[in-house]
Amino acid sequence: MKKRIKIPGNITDFVAPKINLEFRKILPSHARLNDLQSQQIQQSLGMELSEFANMANAVLSAGDNISKEIRTNLLKYATDGAHLLGDQFQTLSVRRRMEIKKFLNPEYSGICTTEVLYDYCKL
């Protein structure tokens, strides 16, 4: 399924951020492995979010082929499901930052509260 389900390029918020190389180098191997595992979970959550968006798009595209009541219910389910997954995606992002923060010099650990920690470009 991972090969079939792709996150559209215009929805970069659904892509799990990769850790910046400068930070990755200073992490112990077990911390790098833990972050990689969390990143993979986050990537799956992003793919699931993308599928909810695809489902909502398909329901809207069906137009009058689906009754208004069913269309409304399906869109509500897709929105609610995406909301729950999005919350987990965000929670995992915060957890990843806090886990990495443990290994940074306290003088620089404040950087973990910003997006600076993650490099959104392909590594």
PDB file of N, CA and C in Angstrom:
ATOM      1  N   MET A   1       0.806  -1.192   0.000  1.00  0.00           N
ATOM      2  CA  MET A   1       0.000   0.000   0.000  1.00  0.00           C
ATOM      3  C   MET A   1       0.853   1.262   0.000  1.00  0.00           C
ATOM      4  N   LYS A   2       2.004   1.211   0.672  1.00  0.00           N
ATOM      5  CA  LYS A   2       2.854   2.395   0.749  1.00  0.00           C
ATOM      6  C   LYS A   2       3.324   2.849  -0.627  1.00  0.00           C
ATOM      7  N   LYS A   3       3.474   1.904  -1.548  1.00  0.00           N
ATOM      8  CA  LYS A   3       3.893   2.266  -2.899  1.00  0.00           C
ATOM      9  C   LYS A   3       2.740   2.903  -3.667  1.00  0.00           C
ATOM     10  N   ARG A   4       1.517   2.497  -3.368  1.00  0.00           N
ATOM     11  CA  ARG A   4       0.343   2.998  -4.073  1.00  0.00           C
ATOM     12  C   ARG A   4      -0.117   4.352  -3.540  1.00  0.00           C
ATOM     13  N   ILE A   5      -0.044   4.542  -2.230  1.00  0.00           N
ATOM     14  CA  ILE A   5      -0.544   5.774  -1.618  1.00  0.00           C
ATOM     15  C   ILE A   5       0.586   6.799  -1.573  1.00  0.00           C
ATOM     16  N   LYS A   6       0.359   7.906  -2.213  1.00  0.00           N
ATOM     17  CA  LYS A   6       1.355   8.979  -2.267  1.00  0.00           C
ATOM     18  C   LYS A   6       0.754  10.248  -1.682  1.00  0.00           C
ATOM     19  N   ILE A   7       1.577  11.005  -0.982  1.00  0.00           N
ATOM     20  CA  ILE A   7       1.161  12.303  -0.465  1.00  0.00           C
ATOM     21  C   ILE A   7       1.395  13.313  -1.578  1.00  0.00           C
ATOM     22  N   PRO A   8       0.343  14.033  -1.982  1.00  0.00           N
ATOM     23  CA  PRO A   8       0.513  15.007  -3.062  1.00  0.00           C
ATOM     24  C   PRO A   8       1.565  16.052  -2.721  1.00  0.00           C
ATOM     25  N   GLY A   9       2.283  16.506  -3.720  1.00  0.00           N
ATOM     26  CA  GLY A   9       3.345  17.486  -3.515  1.00  0.00           C
ATOM     27  C   GLY A   9       2.865  18.811  -2.969  1.00  0.00           C
ATOM     28  N   ASN A  10       1.570  19.117  -3.143  1.00  0.00           N
ATOM     29  CA  ASN A  10       1.061  20.389  -2.650  1.00  0.00           C
ATOM     30  C   ASN A  10       0.596  20.326  -1.192  1.00  0.00           C
ATOM     31  N   ILE A  11       0.774  19.175  -0.551  1.00  0.00           N
ATOM     32  CA  ILE A  11       0.396  19.032   0.859  1.00  0.00           C
ATOM     33  C   ILE A  11       1.638  18.648   1.662  1.00  0.00           C
ATOM     34  N   THR A  12       2.581  19.551   1.754  1.00  0.00           N
ATOM     35  CA  THR A  12       3.841  19.259   2.439  1.00  0.00           C
ATOM     36  C   THR A  12       3.672  19.091   3.947  1.00  0.00           C
ATOM     37  N   ASP A  13       2.568  19.601   4.497  1.00  0.00           N
ATOM     38  CA  ASP A  13       2.348  19.450   5.937  1.00  0.00           C
ATOM     39  C   ASP A  13       2.072  18.003   6.333  1.00  0.00           C
ATOM     40  N   PHE A  14       1.725  17.146   5.367  1.00  0.00           N
ATOM     41  CA  PHE A  14       1.459  15.738   5.642  1.00  0.00           C
ATOM     42  C   PHE A  14       2.732  14.895   5.586  1.00  0.00           C
ATOM     43  N   VAL A  15       3.844  15.489   5.191  1.00  0.00           N
ATOM     44  CA  VAL A  15       5.109  14.753   5.074  1.00  0.00           C
ATOM     45  C   VAL A  15       5.862  14.863   6.397  1.00  0.00           C
ATOM     46  N   ALA A  16       6.300  13.730   6.922  1.00  0.00           N
ATOM     47  CA  ALA A  16       7.048  13.731   8.180  1.00  0.00           C
ATOM     48  C   ALA A  16       8.377  14.451   7.989  1.00  0.00           C
ATOM     49  N   PRO A  17       8.663  15.426   8.846  1.00  0.00           N
ATOM     50  CA  PRO A  17       9.927  16.156   8.695  1.00  0.00           C
ATOM     51  C   PRO A  17      11.125  15.274   9.041  1.00  0.00           C
ATOM     52  N   LYS A  18      12.192  15.488   8.304  1.00  0.00           N
ATOM     53  CA  LYS A  18      13.441  14.781   8.593  1.00  0.00           C
ATOM     54  C   LYS A  18      14.287  15.661   9.499  1.00  0.00           C
ATOM     55  N   ILE A  19      15.056  15.016  10.341  1.00  0.00           N
ATOM     56  CA  ILE A  19      15.901  15.763  11.259  1.00  0.00           C
ATOM     57  C   ILE A  19      17.070  16.392  10.492  1.00  0.00           C
ATOM     58  N   ASN A  20      17.423  17.571  10.872  1.00  0.00           N
ATOM     59  CA  ASN A  20      18.527  18.296  10.263  1.00  0.00           C
ATOM     60  C   ASN A  20      19.824  17.522  10.491  1.00  0.00           C
ATOM     61  N   LEU A  21      20.680  17.439   9.480  1.00  0.00           N
ATOM     62  CA  LEU A  21      21.919  16.650   9.565  1.00  0.00           C
ATOM     63  C   LEU A  21      22.822  17.070  10.731  1.00  0.00           C
ATOM     64  N   GLU A  22      22.889  18.376  11.016  1.00  0.00           N
ATOM     65  CA  GLU A  22      23.746  18.836  12.113  1.00  0.00           C
ATOM     66  C   GLU A  22      23.297  18.270  13.450  1.00  0.00           C
ATOM     67  N   PHE A  23      21.983  18.146  13.637  1.00  0.00           N
ATOM     68  CA  PHE A  23      21.467  17.576  14.877  1.00  0.00           C
ATOM     69  C   PHE A  23      21.598  16.061  14.863  1.00  0.00           C
ATOM     70  N   ARG A  24      21.380  15.470  13.716  1.00  0.00           N
ATOM     71  CA  ARG A  24      21.459  14.008  13.604  1.00  0.00           C
ATOM     72  C   ARG A  24      22.849  13.508  13.992  1.00  0.00           C
ATOM     73  N   LYS A  25      23.880  14.252  13.616  1.00  0.00           N
ATOM     74  CA  LYS A  25      25.254  13.835  13.887  1.00  0.00           C
ATOM     75  C   LYS A  25      25.563  13.757  15.372  1.00  0.00           C
ATOM     76  N   ILE A  26      24.931  14.583  16.182  1.00  0.00           N
ATOM     77  CA  ILE A  26      25.263  14.601  17.616  1.00  0.00           C
ATOM     78  C   ILE A  26      24.407  13.640  18.439  1.00  0.00           C
ATOM     79  N   LEU A  27      23.409  13.034  17.822  1.00  0.00           N
ATOM     80  CA  LEU A  27      22.550  12.113  18.560  1.00  0.00           C
ATOM     81  C   LEU A  27      23.210  10.750  18.706  1.00  0.00           C
ATOM     82  N   PRO A  28      23.042  10.126  19.869  1.00  0.00           N
ATOM     83  CA  PRO A  28      23.509   8.735  20.012  1.00  0.00           C
ATOM     84  C   PRO A  28      22.707   7.832  19.072  1.00  0.00           C
ATOM     85  N   SER A  29      23.269   6.695  18.745  1.00  0.00           N
ATOM     86  CA  SER A  29      22.631   5.812  17.751  1.00  0.00           C
ATOM     87  C   SER A  29      21.225   5.397  18.171  1.00  0.00           C
ATOM     88  N   HIS A  30      20.998   5.140  19.454  1.00  0.00           N
ATOM     89  CA  HIS A  30      19.659   4.723  19.877  1.00  0.00           C
ATOM     90  C   HIS A  30      18.642   5.862  19.696  1.00  0.00           C
ATOM     91  N   ALA A  31      19.072   7.098  19.875  1.00  0.00           N
ATOM     92  CA  ALA A  31      18.179   8.245  19.684  1.00  0.00           C
ATOM     93  C   ALA A  31      17.865   8.439  18.200  1.00  0.00           C
ATOM     94  N   ARG A  32      18.860   8.217  17.341  1.00  0.00           N
ATOM     95  CA  ARG A  32      18.619   8.307  15.893  1.00  0.00           C
ATOM     96  C   ARG A  32      17.627   7.238  15.453  1.00  0.00           C
ATOM     97  N   LEU A  33      17.789   6.025  15.971  1.00  0.00           N
ATOM     98  CA  LEU A  33      16.890   4.931  15.625  1.00  0.00           C
ATOM     99  C   LEU A  33      15.470   5.227  16.114  1.00  0.00           C
ATOM    100  N   ASN A  34      15.342   5.707  17.349  1.00  0.00           N
ATOM    101  CA  ASN A  34      14.023   6.058  17.878  1.00  0.00           C
ATOM    102  C   ASN A  34      13.362   7.142  17.041  1.00  0.00           C
ATOM    103  N   ASP A  35      14.141   8.146  16.641  1.00  0.00           N
ATOM    104  CA  ASP A  35      13.579   9.220  15.826  1.00  0.00           C
ATOM    105  C   ASP A  35      13.169   8.692  14.457  1.00  0.00           C
ATOM    106  N   LEU A  36      13.967   7.819  13.878  1.00  0.00           N
ATOM    107  CA  LEU A  36      13.622   7.248  12.580  1.00  0.00           C
ATOM    108  C   LEU A  36      12.313   6.456  12.678  1.00  0.00           C
ATOM    109  N   GLN A  37      12.146   5.690  13.744  1.00  0.00           N
ATOM    110  CA  GLN A  37      10.910   4.933  13.929  1.00  0.00           C
ATOM    111  C   GLN A  37       9.715   5.873  14.082  1.00  0.00           C
ATOM    112  N   SER A  38       9.898   6.943  14.839  1.00  0.00           N
ATOM    113  CA  SER A  38       8.829   7.932  14.998  1.00  0.00           C
ATOM    114  C   SER A  38       8.528   8.615  13.674  1.00  0.00           C
ATOM    115  N   GLN A  39       9.565   8.898  12.902  1.00  0.00           N
ATOM    116  CA  GLN A  39       9.387   9.528  11.596  1.00  0.00           C
ATOM    117  C   GLN A  39       8.578   8.612  10.677  1.00  0.00           C
ATOM    118  N   GLN A  40       8.837   7.303  10.719  1.00  0.00           N
ATOM    119  CA  GLN A  40       8.107   6.357   9.884  1.00  0.00           C
ATOM    120  C   GLN A  40       6.635   6.293  10.280  1.00  0.00           C
ATOM    121  N   ILE A  41       6.362   6.335  11.583  1.00  0.00           N
ATOM    122  CA  ILE A  41       4.973   6.361  12.057  1.00  0.00           C
ATOM    123  C   ILE A  41       4.302   7.644  11.582  1.00  0.00           C
ATOM    124  N   GLN A  42       5.022   8.745  11.715  1.00  0.00           N
ATOM    125  CA  GLN A  42       4.488  10.037  11.291  1.00  0.00           C
ATOM    126  C   GLN A  42       4.213  10.040   9.781  1.00  0.00           C
ATOM    127  N   GLN A  43       5.084   9.408   9.017  1.00  0.00           N
ATOM    128  CA  GLN A  43       4.883   9.332   7.568  1.00  0.00           C
ATOM    129  C   GLN A  43       3.620   8.534   7.252  1.00  0.00           C
ATOM    130  N   SER A  44       3.379   7.455   7.987  1.00  0.00           N
ATOM    131  CA  SER A  44       2.155   6.671   7.787  1.00  0.00           C
ATOM    132  C   SER A  44       0.922   7.504   8.129  1.00  0.00           C
ATOM    133  N   LEU A  45       0.997   8.283   9.201  1.00  0.00           N
ATOM    134  CA  LEU A  45      -0.115   9.163   9.558  1.00  0.00           C
ATOM    135  C   LEU A  45      -0.382  10.169   8.436  1.00  0.00           C
ATOM    136  N   GLY A  46       0.673  10.689   7.844  1.00  0.00           N
ATOM    137  CA  GLY A  46       0.523  11.622   6.733  1.00  0.00           C
ATOM    138  C   GLY A  46      -0.129  10.967   5.530  1.00  0.00           C
ATOM    139  N   MET A  47       0.230   9.729   5.265  1.00  0.00           N
ATOM    140  CA  MET A  47      -0.384   9.001   4.156  1.00  0.00           C
ATOM    141  C   MET A  47      -1.871   8.769   4.434  1.00  0.00           C
ATOM    142  N   GLU A  48      -2.198   8.461   5.680  1.00  0.00           N
ATOM    143  CA  GLU A  48      -3.592   8.266   6.055  1.00  0.00           C
ATOM    144  C   GLU A  48      -4.373   9.572   5.911  1.00  0.00           C
ATOM    145  N   LEU A  49      -3.771  10.677   6.313  1.00  0.00           N
ATOM    146  CA  LEU A  49      -4.407  11.986   6.126  1.00  0.00           C
ATOM    147  C   LEU A  49      -4.684  12.247   4.650  1.00  0.00           C
ATOM    148  N   SER A  50      -3.727  11.888   3.823  1.00  0.00           N
ATOM    149  CA  SER A  50      -3.874  12.059   2.381  1.00  0.00           C
ATOM    150  C   SER A  50      -5.038  11.226   1.855  1.00  0.00           C
ATOM    151  N   GLU A  51      -5.205  10.029   2.369  1.00  0.00           N
ATOM    152  CA  GLU A  51      -6.305   9.167   1.930  1.00  0.00           C
ATOM    153  C   GLU A  51      -7.658   9.738   2.347  1.00  0.00           C
ATOM    154  N   PHE A  52      -7.736  10.336   3.537  1.00  0.00           N
ATOM    155  CA  PHE A  52      -8.987  10.990   3.935  1.00  0.00           C
ATOM    156  C   PHE A  52      -9.297  12.155   3.001  1.00  0.00           C
ATOM    157  N   ALA A  53      -8.275  12.895   2.608  1.00  0.00           N
ATOM    158  CA  ALA A  53      -8.475  14.002   1.665  1.00  0.00           C
ATOM    159  C   ALA A  53      -8.948  13.462   0.316  1.00  0.00           C
ATOM    160  N   ASN A  54      -8.373  12.350  -0.128  1.00  0.00           N
ATOM    161  CA  ASN A  54      -8.805  11.725  -1.386  1.00  0.00           C
ATOM    162  C   ASN A  54     -10.255  11.259  -1.298  1.00  0.00           C
ATOM    163  N   MET A  55     -10.613  10.696  -0.144  1.00  0.00           N
ATOM    164  CA  MET A  55     -11.983  10.229   0.046  1.00  0.00           C
ATOM    165  C   MET A  55     -12.957  11.403  -0.017  1.00  0.00           C
ATOM    166  N   ALA A  56     -12.640  12.479   0.677  1.00  0.00           N
ATOM    167  CA  ALA A  56     -13.507  13.657   0.663  1.00  0.00           C
ATOM    168  C   ALA A  56     -13.637  14.209  -0.752  1.00  0.00           C
ATOM    169  N   ASN A  57     -12.537  14.230  -1.473  1.00  0.00           N
ATOM    170  CA  ASN A  57     -12.564  14.710  -2.857  1.00  0.00           C
ATOM    171  C   ASN A  57     -13.448  13.822  -3.732  1.00  0.00           C
ATOM    172  N   ALA A  58     -13.352  12.519  -3.544  1.00  0.00           N
ATOM    173  CA  ALA A  58     -14.182  11.592  -4.331  1.00  0.00           C
ATOM    174  C   ALA A  58     -15.659  11.778  -4.020  1.00  0.00           C
ATOM    175  N   VAL A  59     -15.977  11.986  -2.753  1.00  0.00           N
ATOM    176  CA  VAL A  59     -17.378  12.197  -2.363  1.00  0.00           C
ATOM    177  C   VAL A  59     -17.904  13.483  -2.986  1.00  0.00           C
ATOM    178  N   LEU A  60     -17.103  14.540  -2.931  1.00  0.00           N
ATOM    179  CA  LEU A  60     -17.535  15.811  -3.511  1.00  0.00           C
ATOM    180  C   LEU A  60     -17.654  15.716  -5.037  1.00  0.00           C
ATOM    181  N   SER A  61     -16.748  14.964  -5.649  1.00  0.00           N
ATOM    182  CA  SER A  61     -16.772  14.817  -7.104  1.00  0.00           C
ATOM    183  C   SER A  61     -17.973  14.010  -7.584  1.00  0.00           C
ATOM    184  N   ALA A  62     -18.498  13.141  -6.727  1.00  0.00           N
ATOM    185  CA  ALA A  62     -19.635  12.301  -7.101  1.00  0.00           C
ATOM    186  C   ALA A  62     -20.897  13.129  -7.296  1.00  0.00           C
ATOM    187  N   GLY A  63     -20.942  14.283  -6.661  1.00  0.00           N
ATOM    188  CA  GLY A  63     -22.080  15.187  -6.838  1.00  0.00           C
ATOM    189  C   GLY A  63     -23.410  14.531  -6.547  1.00  0.00           C
ATOM    190  N   ASP A  64     -24.328  14.617  -7.511  1.00  0.00           N
ATOM    191  CA  ASP A  64     -25.690  14.107  -7.322  1.00  0.00           C
ATOM    192  C   ASP A  64     -25.791  12.590  -7.386  1.00  0.00           C
ATOM    193  N   ASN A  65     -24.706  11.896  -7.680  1.00  0.00           N
ATOM    194  CA  ASN A  65     -24.725  10.432  -7.697  1.00  0.00           C
ATOM    195  C   ASN A  65     -24.870   9.866  -6.287  1.00  0.00           C
ATOM    196  N   ILE A  66     -24.594  10.697  -5.293  1.00  0.00           N
ATOM    197  CA  ILE A  66     -24.733  10.307  -3.886  1.00  0.00           C
ATOM    198  C   ILE A  66     -25.719  11.290  -3.257  1.00  0.00           C
ATOM    199  N   SER A  67     -26.644  10.763  -2.464  1.00  0.00           N
ATOM    200  CA  SER A  67     -27.622  11.659  -1.842  1.00  0.00           C
ATOM    201  C   SER A  67     -26.912  12.660  -0.926  1.00  0.00           C
ATOM    202  N   LYS A  68     -27.553  13.793  -0.740  1.00  0.00           N
ATOM    203  CA  LYS A  68     -26.968  14.864   0.068  1.00  0.00           C
ATOM    204  C   LYS A  68     -26.700  14.389   1.493  1.00  0.00           C
ATOM    205  N   GLU A  69     -27.608  13.608   2.057  1.00  0.00           N
ATOM    206  CA  GLU A  69     -27.444  13.129   3.437  1.00  0.00           C
ATOM    207  C   GLU A  69     -26.225  12.204   3.553  1.00  0.00           C
ATOM    208  N   ILE A  70     -26.092  11.288   2.619  1.00  0.00           N
ATOM    209  CA  ILE A  70     -24.948  10.373   2.643  1.00  0.00           C
ATOM    210  C   ILE A  70     -23.654  11.145   2.400  1.00  0.00           C
ATOM    211  N   ARG A  71     -23.685  12.064   1.452  1.00  0.00           N
ATOM    212  CA  ARG A  71     -22.500  12.882   1.152  1.00  0.00           C
ATOM    213  C   ARG A  71     -22.075  13.670   2.397  1.00  0.00           C
ATOM    214  N   THR A  72     -23.035  14.274   3.080  1.00  0.00           N
ATOM    215  CA  THR A  72     -22.747  15.038   4.297  1.00  0.00           C
ATOM    216  C   THR A  72     -22.136  14.145   5.369  1.00  0.00           C
ATOM    217  N   ASN A  73     -22.709  12.959   5.556  1.00  0.00           N
ATOM    218  CA  ASN A  73     -22.180  12.031   6.569  1.00  0.00           C
ATOM    219  C   ASN A  73     -20.767  11.569   6.227  1.00  0.00           C
ATOM    220  N   LEU A  74     -20.540  11.208   4.964  1.00  0.00           N
ATOM    221  CA  LEU A  74     -19.210  10.749   4.559  1.00  0.00           C
ATOM    222  C   LEU A  74     -18.166  11.853   4.737  1.00  0.00           C
ATOM    223  N   LEU A  75     -18.526  13.077   4.379  1.00  0.00           N
ATOM    224  CA  LEU A  75     -17.586  14.187   4.561  1.00  0.00           C
ATOM    225  C   LEU A  75     -17.306  14.445   6.038  1.00  0.00           C
ATOM    226  N   LYS A  76     -18.329  14.299   6.876  1.00  0.00           N
ATOM    227  CA  LYS A  76     -18.125  14.473   8.318  1.00  0.00           C
ATOM    228  C   LYS A  76     -17.179  13.399   8.847  1.00  0.00           C
ATOM    229  N   TYR A  77     -17.388  12.146   8.439  1.00  0.00           N
ATOM    230  CA  TYR A  77     -16.507  11.065   8.888  1.00  0.00           C
ATOM    231  C   TYR A  77     -15.068  11.298   8.422  1.00  0.00           C
ATOM    232  N   ALA A  78     -14.906  11.712   7.170  1.00  0.00           N
ATOM    233  CA  ALA A  78     -13.564  11.964   6.638  1.00  0.00           C
ATOM    234  C   ALA A  78     -12.897  13.113   7.387  1.00  0.00           C
ATOM    235  N   THR A  79     -13.651  14.152   7.649  1.00  0.00           N
ATOM    236  CA  THR A  79     -13.102  15.315   8.368  1.00  0.00           C
ATOM    237  C   THR A  79     -12.735  14.950   9.792  1.00  0.00           C
ATOM    238  N   ASP A  80     -13.630  14.234  10.467  1.00  0.00           N
ATOM    239  CA  ASP A  80     -13.345  13.835  11.849  1.00  0.00           C
ATOM    240  C   ASP A  80     -12.131  12.909  11.922  1.00  0.00           C
ATOM    241  N   GLY A  81     -12.065  11.946  11.003  1.00  0.00           N
ATOM    242  CA  GLY A  81     -10.919  11.029  10.976  1.00  0.00           C
ATOM    243  C   GLY A  81      -9.619  11.763  10.705  1.00  0.00           C
ATOM    244  N   ALA A  82      -9.657  12.697   9.761  1.00  0.00           N
ATOM    245  CA  ALA A  82      -8.458  13.481   9.443  1.00  0.00           C
ATOM    246  C   ALA A  82      -8.057  14.350  10.626  1.00  0.00           C
ATOM    247  N   HIS A  83      -9.032  14.884  11.326  1.00  0.00           N
ATOM    248  CA  HIS A  83      -8.736  15.712  12.501  1.00  0.00           C
ATOM    249  C   HIS A  83      -8.006  14.886  13.568  1.00  0.00           C
ATOM    250  N   LEU A  84      -8.502  13.684  13.824  1.00  0.00           N
ATOM    251  CA  LEU A  84      -7.866  12.815  14.823  1.00  0.00           C
ATOM    252  C   LEU A  84      -6.440  12.439  14.411  1.00  0.00           C
ATOM    253  N   LEU A  85      -6.257  12.100  13.142  1.00  0.00           N
ATOM    254  CA  LEU A  85      -4.918  11.750  12.658  1.00  0.00           C
ATOM    255  C   LEU A  85      -3.988  12.960  12.686  1.00  0.00           C
ATOM    256  N   GLY A  86      -4.509  14.122  12.318  1.00  0.00           N
ATOM    257  CA  GLY A  86      -3.705  15.340  12.347  1.00  0.00           C
ATOM    258  C   GLY A  86      -3.236  15.669  13.754  1.00  0.00           C
ATOM    259  N   ASP A  87      -4.104  15.429  14.727  1.00  0.00           N
ATOM    260  CA  ASP A  87      -3.722  15.650  16.125  1.00  0.00           C
ATOM    261  C   ASP A  87      -2.588  14.713  16.532  1.00  0.00           C
ATOM    262  N   GLN A  88      -2.666  13.467  16.109  1.00  0.00           N
ATOM    263  CA  GLN A  88      -1.598  12.510  16.421  1.00  0.00           C
ATOM    264  C   GLN A  88      -0.300  12.875  15.707  1.00  0.00           C
ATOM    265  N   PHE A  89      -0.406  13.355  14.480  1.00  0.00           N
ATOM    266  CA  PHE A  89       0.762  13.795  13.714  1.00  0.00           C
ATOM    267  C   PHE A  89       1.473  14.918  14.470  1.00  0.00           C
ATOM    268  N   GLN A  90       0.699  15.902  14.941  1.00  0.00           N
ATOM    269  CA  GLN A  90       1.267  17.034  15.677  1.00  0.00           C
ATOM    270  C   GLN A  90       1.856  16.594  17.007  1.00  0.00           C
ATOM    271  N   THR A  91       1.164  15.726  17.717  1.00  0.00           N
ATOM    272  CA  THR A  91       1.657  15.218  18.998  1.00  0.00           C
ATOM    273  C   THR A  91       2.988  14.501  18.817  1.00  0.00           C
ATOM    274  N   LEU A  92       3.096  13.711  17.779  1.00  0.00           N
ATOM    275  CA  LEU A  92       4.339  12.995  17.500  1.00  0.00           C
ATOM    276  C   LEU A  92       5.457  13.971  17.136  1.00  0.00           C
ATOM    277  N   SER A  93       5.141  15.038  16.434  1.00  0.00           N
ATOM    278  CA  SER A  93       6.151  16.053  16.116  1.00  0.00           C
ATOM    279  C   SER A  93       6.728  16.664  17.386  1.00  0.00           C
ATOM    280  N   VAL A  94       5.851  17.016  18.303  1.00  0.00           N
ATOM    281  CA  VAL A  94       6.298  17.610  19.568  1.00  0.00           C
ATOM    282  C   VAL A  94       7.127  16.604  20.354  1.00  0.00           C
ATOM    283  N   ARG A  95       6.676  15.359  20.397  1.00  0.00           N
ATOM    284  CA  ARG A  95       7.419  14.321  21.127  1.00  0.00           C
ATOM    285  C   ARG A  95       8.814  14.130  20.537  1.00  0.00           C
ATOM    286  N   ARG A  96       8.908  14.144  19.210  1.00  0.00           N
ATOM    287  CA  ARG A  96      10.217  13.996  18.562  1.00  0.00           C
ATOM    288  C   ARG A  96      11.145  15.132  18.971  1.00  0.00           C
ATOM    289  N   ARG A  97      10.631  16.361  18.955  1.00  0.00           N
ATOM    290  CA  ARG A  97      11.459  17.516  19.346  1.00  0.00           C
ATOM    291  C   ARG A  97      11.948  17.390  20.779  1.00  0.00           C
ATOM    292  N   MET A  98      11.046  16.993  21.671  1.00  0.00           N
ATOM    293  CA  MET A  98      11.421  16.898  23.086  1.00  0.00           C
ATOM    294  C   MET A  98      12.433  15.773  23.330  1.00  0.00           C
ATOM    295  N   GLU A  99      12.323  14.695  22.575  1.00  0.00           N
ATOM    296  CA  GLU A  99      13.287  13.602  22.703  1.00  0.00           C
ATOM    297  C   GLU A  99      14.670  14.048  22.238  1.00  0.00           C
ATOM    298  N   ILE A 100      14.731  14.801  21.176  1.00  0.00           N
ATOM    299  CA  ILE A 100      16.013  15.288  20.655  1.00  0.00           C
ATOM    300  C   ILE A 100      16.608  16.346  21.581  1.00  0.00           C
ATOM    301  N   LYS A 101      15.749  17.124  22.174  1.00  0.00           N
ATOM    302  CA  LYS A 101      16.181  18.211  23.068  1.00  0.00           C
ATOM    303  C   LYS A 101      17.068  17.690  24.197  1.00  0.00           C
ATOM    304  N   LYS A 102      16.825  16.468  24.652  1.00  0.00           N
ATOM    305  CA  LYS A 102      17.609  15.863  25.740  1.00  0.00           C
ATOM    306  C   LYS A 102      19.100  15.794  25.410  1.00  0.00           C
ATOM    307  N   PHE A 103      19.421  15.699  24.126  1.00  0.00           N
ATOM    308  CA  PHE A 103      20.800  15.478  23.715  1.00  0.00           C
ATOM    309  C   PHE A 103      21.511  16.752  23.262  1.00  0.00           C
ATOM    310  N   LEU A 104      20.815  17.864  23.310  1.00  0.00           N
ATOM    311  CA  LEU A 104      21.421  19.119  22.893  1.00  0.00           C
ATOM    312  C   LEU A 104      22.034  19.847  24.082  1.00  0.00           C
ATOM    313  N   ASN A 105      23.023  20.641  23.803  1.00  0.00           N
ATOM    314  CA  ASN A 105      23.601  21.512  24.805  1.00  0.00           C
ATOM    315  C   ASN A 105      22.461  22.392  25.331  1.00  0.00           C
ATOM    316  N   PRO A 106      22.300  22.493  26.670  1.00  0.00           N
ATOM    317  CA  PRO A 106      21.199  23.289  27.222  1.00  0.00           C
ATOM    318  C   PRO A 106      21.143  24.717  26.674  1.00  0.00           C
ATOM    319  N   GLU A 107      22.292  25.235  26.310  1.00  0.00           N
ATOM    320  CA  GLU A 107      22.344  26.588  25.773  1.00  0.00           C
ATOM    321  C   GLU A 107      21.585  26.697  24.447  1.00  0.00           C
ATOM    322  N   TYR A 108      21.499  25.579  23.704  1.00  0.00           N
ATOM    323  CA  TYR A 108      20.861  25.585  22.398  1.00  0.00           C
ATOM    324  C   TYR A 108      19.548  24.804  22.372  1.00  0.00           C
ATOM    325  N   SER A 109      19.120  24.261  23.487  1.00  0.00           N
ATOM    326  CA  SER A 109      17.934  23.399  23.489  1.00  0.00           C
ATOM    327  C   SER A 109      16.648  24.156  23.161  1.00  0.00           C
ATOM    328  N   GLY A 110      16.651  25.472  23.301  1.00  0.00           N
ATOM    329  CA  GLY A 110      15.477  26.260  22.952  1.00  0.00           C
ATOM    330  C   GLY A 110      15.100  26.153  21.495  1.00  0.00           C
ATOM    331  N   ILE A 111      16.027  25.735  20.682  1.00  0.00           N
ATOM    332  CA  ILE A 111      15.763  25.587  19.252  1.00  0.00           C
ATOM    333  C   ILE A 111      14.721  24.495  18.996  1.00  0.00           C
ATOM    334  N   CYS A 112      14.530  23.591  19.942  1.00  0.00           N
ATOM    335  CA  CYS A 112      13.577  22.493  19.768  1.00  0.00           C
ATOM    336  C   CYS A 112      12.130  22.971  19.800  1.00  0.00           C
ATOM    337  N   THR A 113      11.900  24.205  20.118  1.00  0.00           N
ATOM    338  CA  THR A 113      10.531  24.703  20.145  1.00  0.00           C
ATOM    339  C   THR A 113      10.137  25.331  18.817  1.00  0.00           C
ATOM    340  N   THR A 114      11.051  25.336  17.855  1.00  0.00           N
ATOM    341  CA  THR A 114      10.756  25.930  16.557  1.00  0.00           C
ATOM    342  C   THR A 114      10.922  24.893  15.465  1.00  0.00           C
ATOM    343  N   GLU A 115      10.553  25.246  14.274  1.00  0.00           N
ATOM    344  CA  GLU A 115      10.706  24.342  13.136  1.00  0.00           C
ATOM    345  C   GLU A 115      12.134  24.285  12.643  1.00  0.00           C
ATOM    346  N   VAL A 116      13.039  25.031  13.259  1.00  0.00           N
ATOM    347  CA  VAL A 116      14.437  25.050  12.820  1.00  0.00           C
ATOM    348  C   VAL A 116      15.062  23.667  12.940  1.00  0.00           C
ATOM    349  N   LEU A 117      14.590  22.879  13.910  1.00  0.00           N
ATOM    350  CA  LEU A 117      15.174  21.565  14.156  1.00  0.00           C
ATOM    351  C   LEU A 117      15.040  20.644  12.948  1.00  0.00           C
ATOM    352  N   TYR A 118      13.961  20.760  12.219  1.00  0.00           N
ATOM    353  CA  TYR A 118      13.709  19.854  11.126  1.00  0.00           C
ATOM    354  C   TYR A 118      13.978  20.522   9.785  1.00  0.00           C
ATOM    355  N   ASP A 119      14.590  19.801   8.917  1.00  0.00           N
ATOM    356  CA  ASP A 119      14.898  20.291   7.580  1.00  0.00           C
ATOM    357  C   ASP A 119      13.838  19.735   6.642  1.00  0.00           C
ATOM    358  N   TYR A 120      13.020  20.585   6.078  1.00  0.00           N
ATOM    359  CA  TYR A 120      11.949  20.133   5.218  1.00  0.00           C
ATOM    360  C   TYR A 120      12.407  19.850   3.789  1.00  0.00           C
ATOM    361  N   CYS A 121      13.676  20.058   3.545  1.00  0.00           N
ATOM    362  CA  CYS A 121      14.214  19.730   2.224  1.00  0.00           C
ATOM    363  C   CYS A 121      14.635  18.275   2.222  1.00  0.00           C
ATOM    364  N   LYS A 122      14.675  17.682   1.062  1.00  0.00           N
ATOM    365  CA  LYS A 122      15.124  16.289   0.969  1.00  0.00           C
ATOM    366  C   LYS A 122      16.597  16.224   1.331  1.00  0.00           C
ATOM    367  N   LEU A 123      16.953  15.245   2.140  1.00  0.00           N
ATOM    368  CA  LEU A 123      18.334  15.084   2.559  1.00  0.00           C
ATOM    369  C   LEU A 123      19.084  14.187   1.591  1.00  0.00           C
TER     370      LEU A 123
END
